[in-house]
PDB file of N, CA and C in Angstrom:
ATOM      1  N   MET A   1    -100.925-193.468 -24.019  1.00  0.00           N
ATOM      2  CA  MET A   1    -101.200-194.167 -25.071  1.00  0.00           C
ATOM      3  C   MET A   1    -100.478-195.568 -24.220  1.00  0.00           C
ATOM      4  N   VAL A   2    -101.808-196.739 -24.232  1.00  0.00           N
ATOM      5  CA  VAL A   2    -101.181-198.061 -23.982  1.00  0.00           C
ATOM      6  C   VAL A   2    -101.324-198.932 -25.637  1.00  0.00           C
ATOM      7  N   LYS A   3    -100.272-199.068 -25.777  1.00  0.00           N
ATOM      8  CA  LYS A   3    -100.336-200.351 -26.924  1.00  0.00           C
ATOM      9  C   LYS A   3    -101.072-201.476 -26.577  1.00  0.00           C
ATOM     10  N   LYS A   4    -101.536-202.036 -27.242  1.00  0.00           N
ATOM     11  CA  LYS A   4    -102.401-203.466 -27.472  1.00  0.00           C
ATOM     12  C   LYS A   4    -101.340-204.264 -28.259  1.00  0.00           C
ATOM     13  N   THR A   5    -101.271-205.459 -27.390  1.00  0.00           N
ATOM     14  CA  THR A   5    -100.343-206.380 -27.903  1.00  0.00           C
ATOM     15  C   THR A   5    -101.275-207.782 -27.907  1.00  0.00           C
ATOM     16  N   SER A   6    -101.145-208.232 -28.933  1.00  0.00           N
ATOM     17  CA  SER A   6    -102.035-209.320 -29.833  1.00  0.00           C
ATOM     18  C   SER A   6    -102.100-210.361 -28.869  1.00  0.00           C
ATOM     19  N   SER A   7    -102.925-211.133 -28.432  1.00  0.00           N
ATOM     20  CA  SER A   7    -103.071-211.987 -27.926  1.00  0.00           C
ATOM     21  C   SER A   7    -103.373-213.326 -28.464  1.00  0.00           C
ATOM     22  N   ARG A   8    -103.296-213.253 -29.792  1.00  0.00           N
ATOM     23  CA  ARG A   8    -103.667-214.157 -30.703  1.00  0.00           C
ATOM     24  C   ARG A   8    -102.729-215.408 -30.589  1.00  0.00           C
ATOM     25  N   GLY A   9    -103.000-216.439 -30.410  1.00  0.00           N
ATOM     26  CA  GLY A   9    -102.431-218.026 -30.281  1.00  0.00           C
ATOM     27  C   GLY A   9    -102.136-217.929 -28.566  1.00  0.00           C
ATOM     28  N   GLN A  10    -102.364-217.271 -27.972  1.00  0.00           N
ATOM     29  CA  GLN A  10    -102.393-217.304 -26.647  1.00  0.00           C
ATOM     30  C   GLN A  10    -103.333-217.954 -25.866  1.00  0.00           C
ATOM     31  N   GLY A  11    -102.800-219.362 -25.438  1.00  0.00           N
ATOM     32  CA  GLY A  11    -103.698-219.844 -25.027  1.00  0.00           C
ATOM     33  C   GLY A  11    -104.462-221.247 -25.352  1.00  0.00           C
ATOM     34  N   SER A  12    -103.657-220.574 -26.511  1.00  0.00           N
ATOM     35  CA  SER A  12    -105.013-221.961 -28.079  1.00  0.00           C
ATOM     36  C   SER A  12    -103.475-222.559 -28.599  1.00  0.00           C
ATOM     37  N   ARG A  13    -104.250-224.118 -29.210  1.00  0.00           N
ATOM     38  CA  ARG A  13    -103.641-224.622 -29.476  1.00  0.00           C
ATOM     39  C   ARG A  13    -102.897-224.634 -31.264  1.00  0.00           C
ATOM     40  N   SER A  14    -101.666-224.473 -31.333  1.00  0.00           N
ATOM     41  CA  SER A  14    -101.191-224.538 -32.767  1.00  0.00           C
ATOM     42  C   SER A  14    -101.564-225.782 -33.406  1.00  0.00           C
ATOM     43  N   GLY A  15    -101.733-225.318 -35.236  1.00  0.00           N
ATOM     44  CA  GLY A  15    -101.961-226.375 -35.922  1.00  0.00           C
ATOM     45  C   GLY A  15    -100.758-227.719 -35.997  1.00  0.00           C
ATOM     46  N   ALA A  16     -99.509-226.966 -35.566  1.00  0.00           N
ATOM     47  CA  ALA A  16     -98.829-228.348 -35.730  1.00  0.00           C
ATOM     48  C   ALA A  16     -98.528-229.172 -34.261  1.00  0.00           C
ATOM     49  N   ALA A  17     -98.908-228.437 -33.501  1.00  0.00           N
ATOM     50  CA  ALA A  17     -99.333-228.501 -31.788  1.00  0.00           C
ATOM     51  C   ALA A  17    -100.213-230.062 -32.258  1.00  0.00           C
ATOM     52  N   ILE A  18    -101.274-229.559 -32.784  1.00  0.00           N
ATOM     53  CA  ILE A  18    -102.677-230.475 -32.486  1.00  0.00           C
ATOM     54  C   ILE A  18    -102.025-231.767 -33.397  1.00  0.00           C
ATOM     55  N   ARG A  19    -101.088-231.327 -34.648  1.00  0.00           N
ATOM     56  CA  ARG A  19    -101.101-232.786 -35.412  1.00  0.00           C
ATOM     57  C   ARG A  19     -99.955-233.767 -34.784  1.00  0.00           C
ATOM     58  N   GLU A  20     -99.252-233.011 -34.181  1.00  0.00           N
ATOM     59  CA  GLU A  20     -98.652-233.891 -33.058  1.00  0.00           C
ATOM     60  C   GLU A  20     -99.353-234.961 -31.938  1.00  0.00           C
ATOM     61  N   GLN A  21    -100.116-234.623 -31.560  1.00  0.00           N
ATOM     62  CA  GLN A  21    -100.722-235.199 -30.398  1.00  0.00           C
ATOM     63  C   GLN A  21    -102.202-236.065 -30.983  1.00  0.00           C
ATOM     64  N   ILE A  22    -102.414-236.329 -32.288  1.00  0.00           N
ATOM     65  CA  ILE A  22    -103.545-237.097 -32.609  1.00  0.00           C
ATOM     66  C   ILE A  22    -102.978-238.278 -32.467  1.00  0.00           C
ATOM     67  N   THR A  23    -103.802-239.470 -32.300  1.00  0.00           N
ATOM     68  CA  THR A  23    -103.722-240.598 -31.755  1.00  0.00           C
ATOM     69  C   THR A  23    -104.554-241.551 -32.841  1.00  0.00           C
ATOM     70  N   ASP A  24    -105.358-240.770 -32.980  1.00  0.00           N
ATOM     71  CA  ASP A  24    -106.818-241.392 -33.674  1.00  0.00           C
ATOM     72  C   ASP A  24    -106.629-240.422 -35.324  1.00  0.00           C
ATOM     73  N   GLN A  25    -105.976-241.214 -36.225  1.00  0.00           N
ATOM     74  CA  GLN A  25    -106.183-240.654 -37.606  1.00  0.00           C
ATOM     75  C   GLN A  25    -107.169-240.467 -38.298  1.00  0.00           C
ATOM     76  N   ALA A  26    -107.777-241.997 -38.411  1.00  0.00           N
ATOM     77  CA  ALA A  26    -108.845-242.167 -38.908  1.00  0.00           C
ATOM     78  C   ALA A  26    -110.161-241.222 -38.319  1.00  0.00           C
ATOM     79  N   GLY A  27    -110.115-241.111 -36.784  1.00  0.00           N
ATOM     80  CA  GLY A  27    -111.264-240.477 -36.515  1.00  0.00           C
ATOM     81  C   GLY A  27    -111.177-238.757 -37.048  1.00  0.00           C
ATOM     82  N   TRP A  28    -109.649-238.235 -37.091  1.00  0.00           N
ATOM     83  CA  TRP A  28    -109.635-236.860 -37.409  1.00  0.00           C
ATOM     84  C   TRP A  28    -109.892-236.687 -38.884  1.00  0.00           C
ATOM     85  N   ASP A  29    -109.451-237.681 -39.832  1.00  0.00           N
ATOM     86  CA  ASP A  29    -109.525-237.478 -40.798  1.00  0.00           C
ATOM     87  C   ASP A  29    -111.668-237.312 -40.928  1.00  0.00           C
ATOM     88  N   ALA A  30    -112.118-238.388 -40.367  1.00  0.00           N
ATOM     89  CA  ALA A  30    -113.325-238.198 -40.128  1.00  0.00           C
ATOM     90  C   ALA A  30    -114.134-236.682 -40.353  1.00  0.00           C
ATOM     91  N   LEU A  31    -113.486-235.967 -38.542  1.00  0.00           N
ATOM     92  CA  LEU A  31    -114.137-234.896 -38.658  1.00  0.00           C
ATOM     93  C   LEU A  31    -113.424-233.777 -39.847  1.00  0.00           C
ATOM     94  N   ARG A  32    -112.832-233.944 -40.156  1.00  0.00           N
ATOM     95  CA  ARG A  32    -111.848-233.341 -40.962  1.00  0.00           C
ATOM     96  C   ARG A  32    -112.406-232.814 -42.493  1.00  0.00           C
ATOM     97  N   ALA A  33    -113.062-234.196 -42.615  1.00  0.00           N
ATOM     98  CA  ALA A  33    -113.839-234.689 -43.584  1.00  0.00           C
ATOM     99  C   ALA A  33    -115.278-234.119 -43.887  1.00  0.00           C
ATOM    100  N   CYS A  34    -115.434-234.157 -42.983  1.00  0.00           N
ATOM    101  CA  CYS A  34    -117.376-234.059 -42.846  1.00  0.00           C
ATOM    102  C   CYS A  34    -117.261-232.284 -42.700  1.00  0.00           C
ATOM    103  N   ARG A  35    -116.824-231.406 -41.576  1.00  0.00           N
ATOM    104  CA  ARG A  35    -115.935-229.739 -41.585  1.00  0.00           C
ATOM    105  C   ARG A  35    -115.556-229.353 -43.122  1.00  0.00           C
ATOM    106  N   LYS A  36    -115.042-230.280 -43.900  1.00  0.00           N
ATOM    107  CA  LYS A  36    -115.058-229.488 -45.337  1.00  0.00           C
ATOM    108  C   LYS A  36    -115.973-229.837 -45.913  1.00  0.00           C
ATOM    109  N   GLU A  37    -116.814-230.997 -45.997  1.00  0.00           N
ATOM    110  CA  GLU A  37    -118.259-230.800 -47.161  1.00  0.00           C
ATOM    111  C   GLU A  37    -119.262-230.090 -46.534  1.00  0.00           C
ATOM    112  N   LEU A  38    -119.119-229.553 -45.262  1.00  0.00           N
ATOM    113  CA  LEU A  38    -120.186-228.477 -44.376  1.00  0.00           C
ATOM    114  C   LEU A  38    -119.719-227.183 -45.429  1.00  0.00           C
ATOM    115  N   ALA A  39    -118.440-227.090 -45.497  1.00  0.00           N
ATOM    116  CA  ALA A  39    -117.889-225.913 -45.654  1.00  0.00           C
ATOM    117  C   ALA A  39    -118.090-225.707 -47.509  1.00  0.00           C
ATOM    118  N   ASP A  40    -117.556-226.332 -48.169  1.00  0.00           N
ATOM    119  CA  ASP A  40    -117.574-226.633 -49.207  1.00  0.00           C
ATOM    120  C   ASP A  40    -119.522-226.716 -49.974  1.00  0.00           C
ATOM    121  N   LYS A  41    -120.655-226.966 -49.108  1.00  0.00           N
ATOM    122  CA  LYS A  41    -121.577-226.351 -49.038  1.00  0.00           C
ATOM    123  C   LYS A  41    -122.024-224.949 -49.028  1.00  0.00           C
ATOM    124  N   GLN A  42    -121.626-224.346 -47.586  1.00  0.00           N
ATOM    125  CA  GLN A  42    -121.553-223.042 -47.640  1.00  0.00           C
ATOM    126  C   GLN A  42    -120.771-221.789 -48.536  1.00  0.00           C
ATOM    127  N   GLY A  43    -119.878-222.261 -49.235  1.00  0.00           N
ATOM    128  CA  GLY A  43    -118.873-221.788 -49.963  1.00  0.00           C
ATOM    129  C   GLY A  43    -117.829-220.890 -48.571  1.00  0.00           C
ATOM    130  N   VAL A  44    -117.726-221.342 -48.149  1.00  0.00           N
ATOM    131  CA  VAL A  44    -117.030-220.631 -46.483  1.00  0.00           C
ATOM    132  C   VAL A  44    -115.712-221.844 -46.442  1.00  0.00           C
ATOM    133  N   PRO A  45    -114.490-220.867 -45.500  1.00  0.00           N
ATOM    134  CA  PRO A  45    -113.327-221.661 -45.663  1.00  0.00           C
ATOM    135  C   PRO A  45    -113.463-222.855 -44.299  1.00  0.00           C
ATOM    136  N   PRO A  46    -112.992-223.829 -44.027  1.00  0.00           N
ATOM    137  CA  PRO A  46    -113.375-224.772 -42.704  1.00  0.00           C
ATOM    138  C   PRO A  46    -113.600-224.287 -41.616  1.00  0.00           C
ATOM    139  N   TYR A  47    -112.889-223.085 -41.565  1.00  0.00           N
ATOM    140  CA  TYR A  47    -112.401-222.761 -39.969  1.00  0.00           C
ATOM    141  C   TYR A  47    -113.280-222.186 -39.508  1.00  0.00           C
ATOM    142  N   VAL A  48    -114.404-221.435 -40.605  1.00  0.00           N
ATOM    143  CA  VAL A  48    -115.789-221.263 -40.206  1.00  0.00           C
ATOM    144  C   VAL A  48    -116.626-221.863 -39.473  1.00  0.00           C
ATOM    145  N   ILE A  49    -116.324-223.147 -39.461  1.00  0.00           N
ATOM    146  CA  ILE A  49    -117.034-224.288 -39.764  1.00  0.00           C
ATOM    147  C   ILE A  49    -117.066-224.617 -37.728  1.00  0.00           C
ATOM    148  N   PHE A  50    -115.761-224.955 -37.954  1.00  0.00           N
ATOM    149  CA  PHE A  50    -114.775-225.192 -36.860  1.00  0.00           C
ATOM    150  C   PHE A  50    -113.514-224.721 -36.740  1.00  0.00           C
ATOM    151  N   HIS A  51    -113.017-224.731 -35.665  1.00  0.00           N
ATOM    152  CA  HIS A  51    -111.111-224.915 -36.023  1.00  0.00           C
ATOM    153  C   HIS A  51    -110.491-226.068 -35.404  1.00  0.00           C
ATOM    154  N   ASP A  52    -108.969-226.101 -35.833  1.00  0.00           N
ATOM    155  CA  ASP A  52    -108.942-227.480 -35.615  1.00  0.00           C
ATOM    156  C   ASP A  52    -108.678-228.250 -33.862  1.00  0.00           C
ATOM    157  N   ALA A  53    -108.555-226.576 -33.797  1.00  0.00           N
ATOM    158  CA  ALA A  53    -108.446-227.504 -31.719  1.00  0.00           C
ATOM    159  C   ALA A  53    -109.732-227.707 -31.453  1.00  0.00           C
ATOM    160  N   THR A  54    -111.136-227.159 -31.989  1.00  0.00           N
ATOM    161  CA  THR A  54    -112.431-227.614 -31.753  1.00  0.00           C
ATOM    162  C   THR A  54    -112.734-229.123 -32.433  1.00  0.00           C
ATOM    163  N   LEU A  55    -111.894-229.448 -32.869  1.00  0.00           N
ATOM    164  CA  LEU A  55    -112.248-230.780 -33.799  1.00  0.00           C
ATOM    165  C   LEU A  55    -111.586-231.755 -33.235  1.00  0.00           C
ATOM    166  N   PHE A  56    -110.383-231.781 -32.487  1.00  0.00           N
ATOM    167  CA  PHE A  56    -109.553-232.021 -31.749  1.00  0.00           C
ATOM    168  C   PHE A  56    -109.925-232.585 -30.508  1.00  0.00           C
ATOM    169  N   ASP A  57    -110.762-231.294 -29.625  1.00  0.00           N
ATOM    170  CA  ASP A  57    -111.059-231.082 -28.751  1.00  0.00           C
ATOM    171  C   ASP A  57    -112.730-232.480 -28.761  1.00  0.00           C
ATOM    172  N   MET A  58    -113.125-232.249 -29.523  1.00  0.00           N
ATOM    173  CA  MET A  58    -114.221-233.803 -29.967  1.00  0.00           C
ATOM    174  C   MET A  58    -113.395-234.447 -29.764  1.00  0.00           C
ATOM    175  N   LEU A  59    -112.223-234.933 -30.616  1.00  0.00           N
ATOM    176  CA  LEU A  59    -111.939-236.256 -30.868  1.00  0.00           C
ATOM    177  C   LEU A  59    -111.720-236.618 -29.567  1.00  0.00           C
ATOM    178  N   GLU A  60    -111.122-235.767 -28.410  1.00  0.00           N
ATOM    179  CA  GLU A  60    -110.450-236.070 -27.570  1.00  0.00           C
ATOM    180  C   GLU A  60    -111.386-236.684 -26.520  1.00  0.00           C
ATOM    181  N   ARG A  61    -112.615-235.683 -26.451  1.00  0.00           N
ATOM    182  CA  ARG A  61    -114.020-236.270 -25.413  1.00  0.00           C
ATOM    183  C   ARG A  61    -114.993-237.063 -26.135  1.00  0.00           C
ATOM    184  N   LYS A  62    -114.728-237.321 -27.046  1.00  0.00           N
ATOM    185  CA  LYS A  62    -116.074-238.438 -27.913  1.00  0.00           C
ATOM    186  C   LYS A  62    -117.356-237.790 -27.615  1.00  0.00           C
ATOM    187  N   PRO A  63    -118.142-236.724 -28.014  1.00  0.00           N
ATOM    188  CA  PRO A  63    -119.427-236.253 -26.949  1.00  0.00           C
ATOM    189  C   PRO A  63    -120.650-237.025 -27.914  1.00  0.00           C
ATOM    190  N   GLN A  64    -121.429-237.762 -26.922  1.00  0.00           N
ATOM    191  CA  GLN A  64    -122.252-238.862 -27.718  1.00  0.00           C
ATOM    192  C   GLN A  64    -123.533-238.432 -27.227  1.00  0.00           C
ATOM    193  N   SER A  65    -123.756-236.667 -26.909  1.00  0.00           N
ATOM    194  CA  SER A  65    -125.405-236.345 -26.972  1.00  0.00           C
ATOM    195  C   SER A  65    -125.226-234.612 -27.155  1.00  0.00           C
ATOM    196  N   LEU A  66    -125.782-233.927 -27.330  1.00  0.00           N
ATOM    197  CA  LEU A  66    -125.698-232.503 -27.835  1.00  0.00           C
ATOM    198  C   LEU A  66    -125.635-231.489 -26.653  1.00  0.00           C
ATOM    199  N   ASP A  67    -125.613-232.190 -25.740  1.00  0.00           N
ATOM    200  CA  ASP A  67    -125.430-231.249 -24.148  1.00  0.00           C
ATOM    201  C   ASP A  67    -123.748-231.532 -24.215  1.00  0.00           C
ATOM    202  N   GLU A  68    -123.106-233.211 -24.195  1.00  0.00           N
ATOM    203  CA  GLU A  68    -122.095-233.302 -23.644  1.00  0.00           C
ATOM    204  C   GLU A  68    -121.021-232.524 -25.138  1.00  0.00           C
ATOM    205  N   LEU A  69    -121.544-232.271 -26.281  1.00  0.00           N
ATOM    206  CA  LEU A  69    -120.662-231.692 -27.414  1.00  0.00           C
ATOM    207  C   LEU A  69    -120.849-229.765 -27.104  1.00  0.00           C
ATOM    208  N   ALA A  70    -121.807-229.483 -26.407  1.00  0.00           N
ATOM    209  CA  ALA A  70    -121.955-228.238 -25.819  1.00  0.00           C
ATOM    210  C   ALA A  70    -120.629-228.265 -25.034  1.00  0.00           C
ATOM    211  N   GLU A  71    -120.164-228.976 -24.264  1.00  0.00           N
ATOM    212  CA  GLU A  71    -118.966-228.589 -23.300  1.00  0.00           C
ATOM    213  C   GLU A  71    -117.236-228.473 -24.016  1.00  0.00           C
ATOM    214  N   VAL A  72    -117.399-228.891 -25.459  1.00  0.00           N
ATOM    215  CA  VAL A  72    -116.771-228.704 -26.883  1.00  0.00           C
ATOM    216  C   VAL A  72    -116.205-227.612 -26.231  1.00  0.00           C
ATOM    217  N   SER A  73    -114.787-226.735 -26.666  1.00  0.00           N
ATOM    218  CA  SER A  73    -114.548-225.510 -26.667  1.00  0.00           C
ATOM    219  C   SER A  73    -114.566-225.241 -28.030  1.00  0.00           C
ATOM    220  N   GLY A  74    -115.393-224.057 -28.391  1.00  0.00           N
ATOM    221  CA  GLY A  74    -115.107-223.883 -29.877  1.00  0.00           C
ATOM    222  C   GLY A  74    -117.057-223.965 -30.267  1.00  0.00           C
ATOM    223  N   VAL A  75    -117.326-224.628 -29.688  1.00  0.00           N
ATOM    224  CA  VAL A  75    -118.783-224.987 -29.927  1.00  0.00           C
ATOM    225  C   VAL A  75    -119.863-224.007 -28.854  1.00  0.00           C
ATOM    226  N   GLY A  76    -120.416-222.940 -29.684  1.00  0.00           N
ATOM    227  CA  GLY A  76    -121.467-222.668 -29.409  1.00  0.00           C
ATOM    228  C   GLY A  76    -122.733-223.010 -29.369  1.00  0.00           C
ATOM    229  N   ALA A  77    -123.985-221.849 -28.949  1.00  0.00           N
ATOM    230  CA  ALA A  77    -125.022-222.158 -29.406  1.00  0.00           C
ATOM    231  C   ALA A  77    -125.486-222.756 -30.482  1.00  0.00           C
ATOM    232  N   ALA A  78    -125.091-221.326 -31.630  1.00  0.00           N
ATOM    233  CA  ALA A  78    -125.441-221.549 -32.585  1.00  0.00           C
ATOM    234  C   ALA A  78    -124.779-222.052 -33.123  1.00  0.00           C
ATOM    235  N   LYS A  79    -123.603-222.889 -33.398  1.00  0.00           N
ATOM    236  CA  LYS A  79    -123.052-223.924 -34.158  1.00  0.00           C
ATOM    237  C   LYS A  79    -123.187-225.202 -33.529  1.00  0.00           C
ATOM    238  N   LEU A  80    -124.145-225.147 -32.265  1.00  0.00           N
ATOM    239  CA  LEU A  80    -124.649-226.482 -31.961  1.00  0.00           C
ATOM    240  C   LEU A  80    -125.610-226.810 -32.420  1.00  0.00           C
ATOM    241  N   GLN A  81    -126.429-225.736 -32.966  1.00  0.00           N
ATOM    242  CA  GLN A  81    -127.541-225.867 -33.626  1.00  0.00           C
ATOM    243  C   GLN A  81    -127.460-226.629 -34.863  1.00  0.00           C
ATOM    244  N   LYS A  82    -126.733-225.791 -35.450  1.00  0.00           N
ATOM    245  CA  LYS A  82    -126.375-225.879 -37.126  1.00  0.00           C
ATOM    246  C   LYS A  82    -125.784-227.332 -37.446  1.00  0.00           C
ATOM    247  N   TYR A  83    -124.572-227.905 -36.147  1.00  0.00           N
ATOM    248  CA  TYR A  83    -123.946-228.312 -36.505  1.00  0.00           C
ATOM    249  C   TYR A  83    -124.009-229.443 -35.745  1.00  0.00           C
ATOM    250  N   GLY A  84    -124.320-229.468 -34.364  1.00  0.00           N
ATOM    251  CA  GLY A  84    -124.359-230.653 -33.853  1.00  0.00           C
ATOM    252  C   GLY A  84    -124.906-232.142 -33.996  1.00  0.00           C
ATOM    253  N   ALA A  85    -125.630-232.245 -34.897  1.00  0.00           N
ATOM    254  CA  ALA A  85    -126.020-233.697 -35.038  1.00  0.00           C
ATOM    255  C   ALA A  85    -125.125-234.515 -36.162  1.00  0.00           C
ATOM    256  N   ILE A  86    -124.480-233.467 -37.394  1.00  0.00           N
ATOM    257  CA  ILE A  86    -123.785-234.161 -38.142  1.00  0.00           C
ATOM    258  C   ILE A  86    -122.190-234.469 -37.484  1.00  0.00           C
ATOM    259  N   PHE A  87    -122.389-233.894 -36.250  1.00  0.00           N
ATOM    260  CA  PHE A  87    -120.502-234.042 -36.043  1.00  0.00           C
ATOM    261  C   PHE A  87    -120.757-235.274 -35.152  1.00  0.00           C
ATOM    262  N   LEU A  88    -122.125-235.390 -34.578  1.00  0.00           N
ATOM    263  CA  LEU A  88    -122.603-236.371 -33.366  1.00  0.00           C
ATOM    264  C   LEU A  88    -122.355-237.458 -34.424  1.00  0.00           C
ATOM    265  N   GLU A  89    -123.448-237.586 -35.358  1.00  0.00           N
ATOM    266  CA  GLU A  89    -123.015-238.750 -36.259  1.00  0.00           C
ATOM    267  C   GLU A  89    -121.920-239.708 -36.810  1.00  0.00           C
ATOM    268  N   THR A  90    -121.020-238.223 -37.093  1.00  0.00           N
ATOM    269  CA  THR A  90    -119.784-238.713 -37.706  1.00  0.00           C
ATOM    270  C   THR A  90    -118.805-239.348 -36.398  1.00  0.00           C
ATOM    271  N   LEU A  91    -119.381-238.661 -35.014  1.00  0.00           N
ATOM    272  CA  LEU A  91    -118.110-239.396 -34.004  1.00  0.00           C
ATOM    273  C   LEU A  91    -118.610-240.682 -33.338  1.00  0.00           C
ATOM    274  N   SER A  92    -120.205-240.734 -33.650  1.00  0.00           N
ATOM    275  CA  SER A  92    -120.594-242.140 -33.361  1.00  0.00           C
ATOM    276  C   SER A  92    -120.014-243.131 -34.638  1.00  0.00           C
ATOM    277  N   GLY A  93    -120.578-242.307 -35.949  1.00  0.00           N
ATOM    278  CA  GLY A  93    -119.415-243.898 -36.736  1.00  0.00           C
ATOM    279  C   GLY A  93    -118.167-244.028 -36.371  1.00  0.00           C
ATOM    280  N   LEU A  94    -117.512-243.217 -35.784  1.00  0.00           N
ATOM    281  CA  LEU A  94    -115.960-243.378 -35.563  1.00  0.00           C
ATOM    282  C   LEU A  94    -115.691-244.952 -34.599  1.00  0.00           C
ATOM    283  N   GLU A  95    -117.296-244.699 -33.382  1.00  0.00           N
ATOM    284  CA  GLU A  95    -117.066-245.695 -32.325  1.00  0.00           C
ATOM    285  C   GLU A  95    -117.565-246.684 -32.653  1.00  0.00           C
ATOM    286  N   ARG A  96    -118.070-246.874 -33.885  1.00  0.00           N
ATOM    287  CA  ARG A  96    -118.364-248.484 -34.511  1.00  0.00           C
ATOM    288  C   ARG A  96    -117.315-249.381 -35.402  1.00  0.00           C
ATOM    289  N   SER A  97    -116.488-248.054 -35.844  1.00  0.00           N
ATOM    290  CA  SER A  97    -115.760-248.941 -36.650  1.00  0.00           C
ATOM    291  C   SER A  97    -113.840-249.169 -35.515  1.00  0.00           C
TER     292      SER A  97
END
């Protein structure tokens, strides 16, 4: 019998590690607020919309199109279609501020 080991956390960023790397606190707060609003409307926890690591990757890359957003880790086709426009709008607002 082979014992399965959990791969949870391997190769991913922990919440604390992400928070330590944030240099754009206003951008981080804006993305989290967007995610929270969507989660509240749908009655789901925020991580169901996107994980912190995905928001961090968005903040690092600052995609300006759906094609660029699709390259962000954690953004699949379904989430791109469902949430892509609203997150791009949030990101574009960061560029103007």
